[in-house]
């Protein structure tokens, strides 16, 4: 029984591996746009980038559980390769934290209702910001109160991001993509 649960938490079938990889590339492309918008409008608050993270990594966790770590690493790798953001190395830690929390909650809750999506994605985004924002603050000398405000504002993206994630997962499931757990 434990082996069966382990397989479900970390599915290594071809569709999960390929799906997570394609999701990571798609997320990286969207992040290239949303991160620049955030940098222009409100540096450090990651409103559009945070929403993108909730949607792409949330959907990946719902569909592929921990295999979605592939997507979480592809995004910062592409950002590092293209030198598009000085904080890209920190995203590896934030993305990993978000995906691990979301995947474990997905594995336990098996979300289908909007309330269940909130139960999965809100804590995952808060943990991601608790990991990522202090690293950014230390690297750039951001004052502690500003960092706390950034954590609250960036974490709030999980509210509307959960709605968008549920809509995306529902659409992907109608198109024939199956959940790996």
N, C-alpha and C. Protein backbone atom coordinates (compact mmCIF):
# COMPACT_ATOMS: atom_id res chain seq x y z
N UNK A 1 0.82 -1.20 0.00
CA UNK A 1 0.00 0.00 0.00
C UNK A 1 0.86 1.26 0.00
N UNK A 2 1.94 1.28 0.80
CA UNK A 2 2.81 2.45 0.84
C UNK A 2 3.46 2.70 -0.52
N UNK A 3 3.84 1.64 -1.21
CA UNK A 3 4.44 1.78 -2.54
C UNK A 3 3.46 2.41 -3.52
N UNK A 4 2.20 1.99 -3.43
CA UNK A 4 1.16 2.55 -4.31
C UNK A 4 0.99 4.05 -4.05
N UNK A 5 0.96 4.47 -2.78
CA UNK A 5 0.84 5.89 -2.46
C UNK A 5 2.06 6.67 -2.93
N UNK A 6 3.25 6.10 -2.78
CA UNK A 6 4.46 6.77 -3.21
C UNK A 6 4.43 7.01 -4.72
N UNK A 7 3.99 6.01 -5.45
CA UNK A 7 3.89 6.17 -6.90
C UNK A 7 2.93 7.30 -7.26
N UNK A 8 1.87 7.41 -6.55
CA UNK A 8 0.89 8.45 -6.84
C UNK A 8 1.41 9.84 -6.48
N UNK A 9 2.17 9.94 -5.41
CA UNK A 9 2.71 11.24 -5.02
C UNK A 9 3.81 11.68 -5.98
N UNK A 10 4.56 10.73 -6.50
CA UNK A 10 5.63 11.04 -7.46
C UNK A 10 5.42 10.17 -8.70
N UNK A 11 4.45 10.51 -9.54
CA UNK A 11 4.23 9.70 -10.73
C UNK A 11 5.36 9.90 -11.73
N UNK A 12 5.90 8.82 -12.23
CA UNK A 12 7.01 8.88 -13.17
C UNK A 12 6.63 8.32 -14.54
N UNK A 13 5.33 8.31 -14.83
CA UNK A 13 4.89 7.85 -16.14
C UNK A 13 5.24 8.91 -17.19
N UNK A 14 5.25 8.51 -18.43
CA UNK A 14 5.66 9.40 -19.52
C UNK A 14 4.78 10.64 -19.61
N UNK A 15 3.48 10.48 -19.46
CA UNK A 15 2.60 11.64 -19.58
C UNK A 15 2.86 12.67 -18.48
N UNK A 16 3.18 12.23 -17.27
CA UNK A 16 3.49 13.16 -16.18
C UNK A 16 4.81 13.88 -16.44
N UNK A 17 5.81 13.14 -16.90
CA UNK A 17 7.12 13.75 -17.16
C UNK A 17 7.05 14.75 -18.31
N UNK A 18 6.41 14.35 -19.40
CA UNK A 18 6.30 15.25 -20.56
C UNK A 18 5.37 16.42 -20.24
N UNK A 19 4.25 16.14 -19.58
CA UNK A 19 3.31 17.21 -19.23
C UNK A 19 3.94 18.24 -18.33
N UNK A 20 4.69 17.81 -17.33
CA UNK A 20 5.34 18.73 -16.42
C UNK A 20 6.41 19.55 -17.14
N UNK A 21 7.13 18.92 -18.03
CA UNK A 21 8.16 19.64 -18.80
C UNK A 21 7.53 20.70 -19.68
N UNK A 22 6.48 20.34 -20.41
CA UNK A 22 5.80 21.31 -21.27
C UNK A 22 5.17 22.44 -20.45
N UNK A 23 4.63 22.09 -19.30
CA UNK A 23 4.05 23.10 -18.42
C UNK A 23 5.14 24.08 -17.95
N UNK A 24 6.32 23.55 -17.63
CA UNK A 24 7.42 24.41 -17.21
C UNK A 24 7.86 25.37 -18.29
N UNK A 25 7.93 24.91 -19.52
CA UNK A 25 8.31 25.78 -20.64
C UNK A 25 7.24 26.84 -20.87
N UNK A 26 5.97 26.43 -20.85
CA UNK A 26 4.88 27.39 -21.02
C UNK A 26 4.89 28.43 -19.90
N UNK A 27 5.10 27.98 -18.67
CA UNK A 27 5.15 28.90 -17.53
C UNK A 27 6.30 29.88 -17.70
N UNK A 28 7.45 29.40 -18.13
CA UNK A 28 8.61 30.28 -18.31
C UNK A 28 8.32 31.36 -19.34
N UNK A 29 7.63 31.01 -20.41
CA UNK A 29 7.27 32.00 -21.42
C UNK A 29 6.33 33.05 -20.87
N UNK A 30 5.33 32.63 -20.11
CA UNK A 30 4.38 33.58 -19.53
C UNK A 30 5.07 34.43 -18.46
N UNK A 31 5.94 33.80 -17.66
CA UNK A 31 6.68 34.55 -16.63
C UNK A 31 7.56 35.64 -17.25
N UNK A 32 8.09 35.41 -18.44
CA UNK A 32 8.92 36.43 -19.09
C UNK A 32 8.14 37.73 -19.25
N UNK A 33 6.85 37.61 -19.50
CA UNK A 33 6.00 38.80 -19.66
C UNK A 33 5.55 39.34 -18.31
N UNK A 34 4.99 38.46 -17.46
CA UNK A 34 4.41 38.92 -16.20
C UNK A 34 5.47 39.49 -15.25
N UNK A 35 6.65 38.92 -15.24
CA UNK A 35 7.70 39.44 -14.36
C UNK A 35 8.14 40.84 -14.78
N UNK A 36 8.15 41.10 -16.06
CA UNK A 36 8.51 42.44 -16.53
C UNK A 36 7.42 43.45 -16.19
N UNK A 37 6.16 43.03 -16.29
CA UNK A 37 5.06 43.92 -15.90
C UNK A 37 5.17 44.25 -14.42
N UNK A 38 5.40 43.22 -13.59
CA UNK A 38 5.56 43.46 -12.15
C UNK A 38 6.73 44.38 -11.86
N UNK A 39 7.85 44.19 -12.55
CA UNK A 39 9.03 45.02 -12.32
C UNK A 39 8.77 46.48 -12.68
N UNK A 40 7.95 46.71 -13.68
CA UNK A 40 7.64 48.09 -14.07
C UNK A 40 6.63 48.74 -13.12
N UNK A 41 5.62 47.99 -12.72
CA UNK A 41 4.53 48.58 -11.95
C UNK A 41 4.76 48.59 -10.45
N UNK A 42 5.24 47.48 -9.90
CA UNK A 42 5.41 47.37 -8.45
C UNK A 42 6.52 46.38 -8.14
N UNK A 43 7.77 46.81 -8.24
CA UNK A 43 8.90 45.90 -8.03
C UNK A 43 8.83 45.19 -6.67
N UNK A 44 9.03 43.88 -6.71
CA UNK A 44 9.07 43.10 -5.49
C UNK A 44 7.75 42.56 -5.01
N UNK A 45 6.64 42.99 -5.63
CA UNK A 45 5.35 42.55 -5.13
C UNK A 45 4.75 41.41 -5.94
N UNK A 46 5.27 41.07 -7.07
CA UNK A 46 4.95 39.86 -7.84
C UNK A 46 3.45 39.58 -7.96
N UNK A 47 2.68 40.57 -8.38
CA UNK A 47 1.23 40.35 -8.49
C UNK A 47 0.90 39.50 -9.71
N UNK A 48 1.37 39.91 -10.88
CA UNK A 48 1.11 39.10 -12.07
C UNK A 48 1.97 37.83 -12.07
N UNK A 49 3.22 37.96 -11.67
CA UNK A 49 4.09 36.78 -11.58
C UNK A 49 3.60 35.79 -10.54
N UNK A 50 3.11 36.30 -9.42
CA UNK A 50 2.56 35.42 -8.38
C UNK A 50 1.33 34.67 -8.86
N UNK A 51 0.48 35.39 -9.58
CA UNK A 51 -0.72 34.75 -10.13
C UNK A 51 -0.32 33.68 -11.14
N UNK A 52 0.66 33.99 -11.97
CA UNK A 52 1.15 33.02 -12.95
C UNK A 52 1.69 31.78 -12.24
N UNK A 53 2.43 31.98 -11.16
CA UNK A 53 2.97 30.86 -10.40
C UNK A 53 1.88 30.01 -9.79
N UNK A 54 0.86 30.66 -9.21
CA UNK A 54 -0.25 29.90 -8.61
C UNK A 54 -0.93 29.06 -9.68
N UNK A 55 -1.19 29.67 -10.84
CA UNK A 55 -1.94 28.97 -11.88
C UNK A 55 -1.13 27.82 -12.48
N UNK A 56 0.07 28.11 -12.95
CA UNK A 56 0.85 27.07 -13.62
C UNK A 56 1.33 25.99 -12.67
N UNK A 57 1.93 26.39 -11.55
CA UNK A 57 2.46 25.38 -10.62
C UNK A 57 1.34 24.72 -9.83
N UNK A 58 0.24 25.45 -9.60
CA UNK A 58 -0.92 24.84 -8.96
C UNK A 58 -1.55 23.78 -9.85
N UNK A 59 -1.77 24.13 -11.12
CA UNK A 59 -2.34 23.16 -12.06
C UNK A 59 -1.41 21.96 -12.22
N UNK A 60 -0.11 22.22 -12.28
CA UNK A 60 0.85 21.13 -12.40
C UNK A 60 0.83 20.21 -11.20
N UNK A 61 0.68 20.78 -10.01
CA UNK A 61 0.61 19.96 -8.80
C UNK A 61 -0.67 19.14 -8.77
N UNK A 62 -1.77 19.74 -9.21
CA UNK A 62 -3.04 19.00 -9.25
C UNK A 62 -2.95 17.85 -10.25
N UNK A 63 -2.33 18.09 -11.39
CA UNK A 63 -2.28 17.07 -12.44
C UNK A 63 -1.15 16.07 -12.26
N UNK A 64 0.02 16.54 -11.80
CA UNK A 64 1.22 15.68 -11.80
C UNK A 64 1.87 15.48 -10.43
N UNK A 65 1.30 16.03 -9.37
CA UNK A 65 1.86 15.97 -8.01
C UNK A 65 3.34 16.39 -8.01
N UNK A 66 4.19 15.66 -7.32
CA UNK A 66 5.59 16.09 -7.17
C UNK A 66 6.41 16.04 -8.45
N UNK A 67 5.93 15.35 -9.46
CA UNK A 67 6.63 15.37 -10.74
C UNK A 67 6.67 16.79 -11.29
N UNK A 68 5.76 17.63 -10.82
CA UNK A 68 5.71 19.03 -11.24
C UNK A 68 6.95 19.82 -10.81
N UNK A 69 7.80 19.25 -9.98
CA UNK A 69 9.06 19.92 -9.64
C UNK A 69 9.88 20.21 -10.90
N UNK A 70 9.69 19.41 -11.93
CA UNK A 70 10.37 19.66 -13.22
C UNK A 70 10.00 21.04 -13.71
N UNK A 71 8.71 21.37 -13.70
CA UNK A 71 8.25 22.68 -14.16
C UNK A 71 8.82 23.79 -13.28
N UNK A 72 8.87 23.53 -11.97
CA UNK A 72 9.38 24.53 -11.04
C UNK A 72 10.85 24.84 -11.22
N UNK A 73 11.61 23.93 -11.80
CA UNK A 73 13.03 24.16 -12.02
C UNK A 73 13.28 24.73 -13.42
N UNK A 74 12.44 24.38 -14.39
CA UNK A 74 12.62 24.88 -15.75
C UNK A 74 12.48 26.40 -15.79
N UNK A 75 11.49 26.94 -15.09
CA UNK A 75 11.27 28.39 -15.11
C UNK A 75 12.51 29.18 -14.68
N UNK A 76 13.08 28.95 -13.50
CA UNK A 76 14.27 29.71 -13.15
C UNK A 76 15.47 29.39 -14.04
N UNK A 77 15.54 28.16 -14.53
CA UNK A 77 16.66 27.81 -15.42
C UNK A 77 16.62 28.64 -16.70
N UNK A 78 15.43 28.80 -17.26
CA UNK A 78 15.31 29.63 -18.47
C UNK A 78 15.59 31.09 -18.14
N UNK A 79 15.11 31.55 -17.00
CA UNK A 79 15.39 32.94 -16.60
C UNK A 79 16.87 33.18 -16.37
N UNK A 80 17.55 32.19 -15.80
CA UNK A 80 19.00 32.31 -15.63
C UNK A 80 19.72 32.29 -16.97
N UNK A 81 19.30 31.42 -17.85
CA UNK A 81 19.94 31.30 -19.16
C UNK A 81 19.77 32.56 -20.01
N UNK A 82 18.64 33.23 -19.85
CA UNK A 82 18.38 34.44 -20.64
C UNK A 82 18.73 35.71 -19.88
N UNK A 83 19.22 35.57 -18.65
CA UNK A 83 19.58 36.71 -17.81
C UNK A 83 18.43 37.70 -17.70
N UNK A 84 17.21 37.18 -17.56
CA UNK A 84 16.04 38.06 -17.54
C UNK A 84 15.70 38.59 -16.15
N UNK A 85 16.25 37.97 -15.09
CA UNK A 85 15.95 38.45 -13.75
C UNK A 85 17.09 38.15 -12.79
N UNK A 86 17.49 39.14 -12.00
CA UNK A 86 18.55 38.90 -11.03
C UNK A 86 18.12 38.02 -9.86
N UNK A 87 16.82 37.83 -9.69
CA UNK A 87 16.34 37.01 -8.57
C UNK A 87 15.95 35.59 -9.00
N UNK A 88 16.22 35.25 -10.24
CA UNK A 88 15.87 33.91 -10.74
C UNK A 88 16.43 32.77 -9.89
N UNK A 89 17.66 32.87 -9.37
CA UNK A 89 18.14 31.75 -8.54
C UNK A 89 17.27 31.48 -7.31
N UNK A 90 16.64 32.52 -6.77
CA UNK A 90 15.78 32.36 -5.60
C UNK A 90 14.50 31.61 -5.94
N UNK A 91 14.06 31.69 -7.19
CA UNK A 91 12.81 31.05 -7.59
C UNK A 91 12.88 29.53 -7.45
N UNK A 92 14.07 28.98 -7.58
CA UNK A 92 14.21 27.53 -7.41
C UNK A 92 13.70 27.13 -6.03
N UNK A 93 14.06 27.89 -5.02
CA UNK A 93 13.65 27.59 -3.64
C UNK A 93 12.15 27.86 -3.43
N UNK A 94 11.68 29.02 -3.91
CA UNK A 94 10.26 29.35 -3.77
C UNK A 94 9.36 28.39 -4.53
N UNK A 95 9.75 28.07 -5.77
CA UNK A 95 8.96 27.13 -6.57
C UNK A 95 8.93 25.75 -5.94
N UNK A 96 10.07 25.31 -5.46
CA UNK A 96 10.14 23.99 -4.83
C UNK A 96 9.24 23.94 -3.60
N UNK A 97 9.32 24.96 -2.76
CA UNK A 97 8.48 25.01 -1.56
C UNK A 97 7.00 24.98 -1.94
N UNK A 98 6.62 25.80 -2.92
CA UNK A 98 5.22 25.88 -3.35
C UNK A 98 4.74 24.53 -3.87
N UNK A 99 5.53 23.90 -4.72
CA UNK A 99 5.12 22.65 -5.36
C UNK A 99 5.07 21.51 -4.35
N UNK A 100 6.02 21.45 -3.44
CA UNK A 100 6.00 20.38 -2.43
C UNK A 100 4.76 20.51 -1.55
N UNK A 101 4.49 21.71 -1.05
CA UNK A 101 3.31 21.92 -0.20
C UNK A 101 2.04 21.62 -0.99
N UNK A 102 1.92 22.19 -2.20
CA UNK A 102 0.71 21.97 -3.00
C UNK A 102 0.52 20.50 -3.35
N UNK A 103 1.60 19.82 -3.72
CA UNK A 103 1.49 18.41 -4.12
C UNK A 103 1.07 17.52 -2.95
N UNK A 104 1.63 17.76 -1.79
CA UNK A 104 1.24 16.96 -0.62
C UNK A 104 -0.22 17.22 -0.27
N UNK A 105 -0.65 18.49 -0.33
CA UNK A 105 -2.05 18.80 -0.05
C UNK A 105 -2.98 18.23 -1.12
N UNK A 106 -2.56 18.28 -2.38
CA UNK A 106 -3.35 17.68 -3.47
C UNK A 106 -3.49 16.18 -3.23
N UNK A 107 -2.40 15.54 -2.88
CA UNK A 107 -2.38 14.10 -2.65
C UNK A 107 -3.35 13.72 -1.53
N UNK A 108 -3.44 14.59 -0.50
CA UNK A 108 -4.31 14.30 0.64
C UNK A 108 -5.76 14.72 0.39
N UNK A 109 -5.97 15.88 -0.25
CA UNK A 109 -7.31 16.45 -0.38
C UNK A 109 -8.00 16.04 -1.68
N UNK A 110 -7.25 15.83 -2.75
CA UNK A 110 -7.81 15.52 -4.08
C UNK A 110 -8.82 16.59 -4.49
N UNK A 111 -8.36 17.82 -4.75
CA UNK A 111 -9.28 18.95 -4.95
C UNK A 111 -10.14 18.83 -6.21
N UNK A 112 -11.41 19.14 -6.03
CA UNK A 112 -12.35 19.23 -7.15
C UNK A 112 -13.22 20.48 -7.01
N UNK A 113 -13.48 20.93 -5.78
CA UNK A 113 -14.30 22.12 -5.58
C UNK A 113 -13.39 23.34 -5.40
N UNK A 114 -13.95 24.53 -5.57
CA UNK A 114 -13.16 25.74 -5.42
C UNK A 114 -12.62 25.86 -3.99
N UNK A 115 -13.43 25.48 -3.00
CA UNK A 115 -12.97 25.52 -1.61
C UNK A 115 -11.74 24.64 -1.42
N UNK A 116 -11.72 23.46 -2.05
CA UNK A 116 -10.57 22.56 -1.94
C UNK A 116 -9.34 23.15 -2.65
N UNK A 117 -9.55 23.85 -3.75
CA UNK A 117 -8.43 24.52 -4.41
C UNK A 117 -7.83 25.59 -3.51
N UNK A 118 -8.69 26.35 -2.82
CA UNK A 118 -8.19 27.34 -1.86
C UNK A 118 -7.39 26.64 -0.77
N UNK A 119 -7.88 25.51 -0.27
CA UNK A 119 -7.21 24.77 0.80
C UNK A 119 -5.82 24.29 0.38
N UNK A 120 -5.63 24.08 -0.90
CA UNK A 120 -4.34 23.61 -1.43
C UNK A 120 -3.43 24.78 -1.79
N UNK A 121 -3.95 25.75 -2.53
CA UNK A 121 -3.09 26.76 -3.15
C UNK A 121 -2.76 27.95 -2.25
N UNK A 122 -3.64 28.32 -1.34
CA UNK A 122 -3.33 29.44 -0.45
C UNK A 122 -2.14 29.11 0.46
N UNK A 123 -2.14 27.97 1.17
CA UNK A 123 -0.96 27.67 1.99
C UNK A 123 0.32 27.50 1.15
N UNK A 124 0.19 26.92 -0.03
CA UNK A 124 1.37 26.72 -0.88
C UNK A 124 1.98 28.05 -1.28
N UNK A 125 1.15 29.02 -1.62
CA UNK A 125 1.67 30.34 -2.03
C UNK A 125 2.26 31.09 -0.84
N UNK A 126 1.65 30.96 0.32
CA UNK A 126 2.20 31.62 1.51
C UNK A 126 3.58 31.04 1.82
N UNK A 127 3.72 29.73 1.80
CA UNK A 127 5.02 29.11 2.06
C UNK A 127 6.04 29.55 1.01
N UNK A 128 5.64 29.58 -0.24
CA UNK A 128 6.54 30.03 -1.31
C UNK A 128 7.06 31.44 -1.04
N UNK A 129 6.17 32.33 -0.63
CA UNK A 129 6.59 33.70 -0.34
C UNK A 129 7.42 33.81 0.93
N UNK A 130 7.13 32.96 1.91
CA UNK A 130 7.94 32.96 3.13
C UNK A 130 9.37 32.48 2.85
N UNK A 131 9.53 31.68 1.82
CA UNK A 131 10.86 31.22 1.42
C UNK A 131 11.53 32.25 0.50
N UNK A 132 10.80 32.72 -0.49
CA UNK A 132 11.39 33.56 -1.54
C UNK A 132 11.65 35.00 -1.10
N UNK A 133 10.69 35.63 -0.45
CA UNK A 133 10.82 37.06 -0.14
C UNK A 133 12.00 37.39 0.80
N UNK A 134 12.26 36.60 1.85
CA UNK A 134 13.45 36.91 2.66
C UNK A 134 14.76 36.82 1.86
N UNK A 135 14.84 35.89 0.92
CA UNK A 135 16.04 35.80 0.08
C UNK A 135 16.21 37.05 -0.77
N UNK A 136 15.12 37.51 -1.34
CA UNK A 136 15.15 38.75 -2.14
C UNK A 136 15.50 39.93 -1.24
N UNK A 137 14.90 39.99 -0.06
CA UNK A 137 15.15 41.09 0.86
C UNK A 137 16.62 41.13 1.29
N UNK A 138 17.20 39.97 1.58
CA UNK A 138 18.62 39.93 1.97
C UNK A 138 19.52 40.34 0.82
N UNK A 139 19.20 39.89 -0.37
CA UNK A 139 20.05 40.19 -1.54
C UNK A 139 20.02 41.67 -1.90
N UNK A 140 18.89 42.32 -1.72
CA UNK A 140 18.76 43.70 -2.17
C UNK A 140 18.57 44.71 -1.04
N UNK A 141 18.72 44.27 0.19
CA UNK A 141 18.63 45.19 1.32
C UNK A 141 17.24 45.77 1.53
N UNK A 142 16.22 44.99 1.28
CA UNK A 142 14.84 45.46 1.46
C UNK A 142 14.54 45.51 2.96
N UNK A 143 13.99 46.63 3.45
CA UNK A 143 13.65 46.71 4.88
C UNK A 143 12.61 45.66 5.27
N UNK A 144 12.68 45.21 6.51
CA UNK A 144 11.81 44.16 7.01
C UNK A 144 10.32 44.47 6.84
N UNK A 145 9.84 45.68 7.17
CA UNK A 145 8.40 45.96 6.99
C UNK A 145 7.96 45.87 5.52
N UNK A 146 8.83 46.28 4.62
CA UNK A 146 8.51 46.19 3.19
C UNK A 146 8.45 44.72 2.77
N UNK A 147 9.37 43.91 3.29
CA UNK A 147 9.37 42.49 2.98
C UNK A 147 8.07 41.84 3.48
N UNK A 148 7.63 42.18 4.68
CA UNK A 148 6.38 41.63 5.21
C UNK A 148 5.19 42.03 4.34
N UNK A 149 5.17 43.29 3.91
CA UNK A 149 4.10 43.74 3.02
C UNK A 149 4.14 42.97 1.70
N UNK A 150 5.33 42.75 1.18
CA UNK A 150 5.48 42.00 -0.07
C UNK A 150 4.98 40.56 0.09
N UNK A 151 5.23 39.95 1.24
CA UNK A 151 4.74 38.59 1.50
C UNK A 151 3.22 38.57 1.49
N UNK A 152 2.59 39.54 2.16
CA UNK A 152 1.13 39.59 2.22
C UNK A 152 0.53 39.85 0.84
N UNK A 153 1.06 40.84 0.14
CA UNK A 153 0.52 41.20 -1.18
C UNK A 153 0.73 40.05 -2.17
N UNK A 154 1.94 39.51 -2.21
CA UNK A 154 2.23 38.43 -3.16
C UNK A 154 1.43 37.17 -2.83
N UNK A 155 1.22 36.89 -1.55
CA UNK A 155 0.45 35.71 -1.16
C UNK A 155 -1.03 35.85 -1.51
N UNK A 156 -1.50 37.09 -1.57
CA UNK A 156 -2.92 37.29 -1.90
C UNK A 156 -3.25 36.84 -3.32
N UNK A 157 -2.24 36.69 -4.16
CA UNK A 157 -2.49 36.22 -5.53
C UNK A 157 -3.08 34.81 -5.54
N UNK A 158 -2.92 34.09 -4.44
CA UNK A 158 -3.46 32.73 -4.39
C UNK A 158 -4.99 32.74 -4.38
N UNK A 159 -5.59 33.85 -4.00
CA UNK A 159 -7.06 33.91 -3.95
C UNK A 159 -7.65 33.85 -5.36
N UNK A 160 -7.28 34.80 -6.21
CA UNK A 160 -7.79 34.75 -7.59
C UNK A 160 -7.06 33.70 -8.41
N UNK A 161 -5.84 33.39 -8.03
CA UNK A 161 -5.10 32.33 -8.72
C UNK A 161 -5.75 30.97 -8.56
N UNK A 162 -6.37 30.73 -7.41
CA UNK A 162 -7.07 29.45 -7.19
C UNK A 162 -8.26 29.30 -8.13
N UNK A 163 -8.98 30.40 -8.34
CA UNK A 163 -10.12 30.38 -9.26
C UNK A 163 -9.64 30.08 -10.68
N UNK A 164 -8.57 30.75 -11.10
CA UNK A 164 -8.03 30.53 -12.44
C UNK A 164 -7.46 29.12 -12.59
N UNK A 165 -6.82 28.62 -11.54
CA UNK A 165 -6.25 27.27 -11.59
C UNK A 165 -7.34 26.23 -11.75
N UNK A 166 -8.42 26.37 -10.99
CA UNK A 166 -9.52 25.42 -11.11
C UNK A 166 -10.09 25.45 -12.54
N UNK A 167 -10.25 26.65 -13.09
CA UNK A 167 -10.77 26.77 -14.46
C UNK A 167 -9.82 26.10 -15.46
N UNK A 168 -8.52 26.30 -15.28
CA UNK A 168 -7.53 25.69 -16.18
C UNK A 168 -7.55 24.17 -16.07
N UNK A 169 -7.54 23.66 -14.85
CA UNK A 169 -7.54 22.20 -14.65
C UNK A 169 -8.82 21.59 -15.21
N UNK A 170 -9.96 22.24 -14.96
CA UNK A 170 -11.23 21.73 -15.52
C UNK A 170 -11.17 21.68 -17.05
N UNK A 171 -10.61 22.71 -17.66
CA UNK A 171 -10.49 22.74 -19.13
C UNK A 171 -9.54 21.66 -19.63
N UNK A 172 -8.42 21.48 -18.95
CA UNK A 172 -7.46 20.45 -19.37
C UNK A 172 -8.05 19.05 -19.21
N UNK A 173 -8.82 18.84 -18.16
CA UNK A 173 -9.46 17.54 -17.96
C UNK A 173 -10.52 17.28 -19.03
N UNK A 174 -11.26 18.32 -19.43
CA UNK A 174 -12.23 18.16 -20.51
C UNK A 174 -11.52 17.84 -21.83
N UNK A 175 -10.29 18.33 -21.97
CA UNK A 175 -9.51 18.06 -23.19
C UNK A 175 -8.87 16.67 -23.16
N UNK A 176 -8.98 15.97 -22.02
CA UNK A 176 -8.49 14.60 -21.96
C UNK A 176 -7.25 14.36 -21.13
N UNK A 177 -6.72 15.40 -20.50
CA UNK A 177 -5.55 15.22 -19.63
C UNK A 177 -6.04 14.67 -18.29
N UNK A 178 -5.40 13.60 -17.85
CA UNK A 178 -5.80 12.91 -16.62
C UNK A 178 -4.89 13.29 -15.46
N UNK A 179 -5.43 13.25 -14.27
CA UNK A 179 -4.63 13.47 -13.07
C UNK A 179 -3.78 12.24 -12.82
N UNK A 180 -2.56 12.46 -12.39
CA UNK A 180 -1.63 11.33 -12.20
C UNK A 180 -1.80 10.61 -10.88
N UNK A 181 -2.51 11.17 -9.95
CA UNK A 181 -2.66 10.49 -8.66
C UNK A 181 -3.84 9.64 -8.74
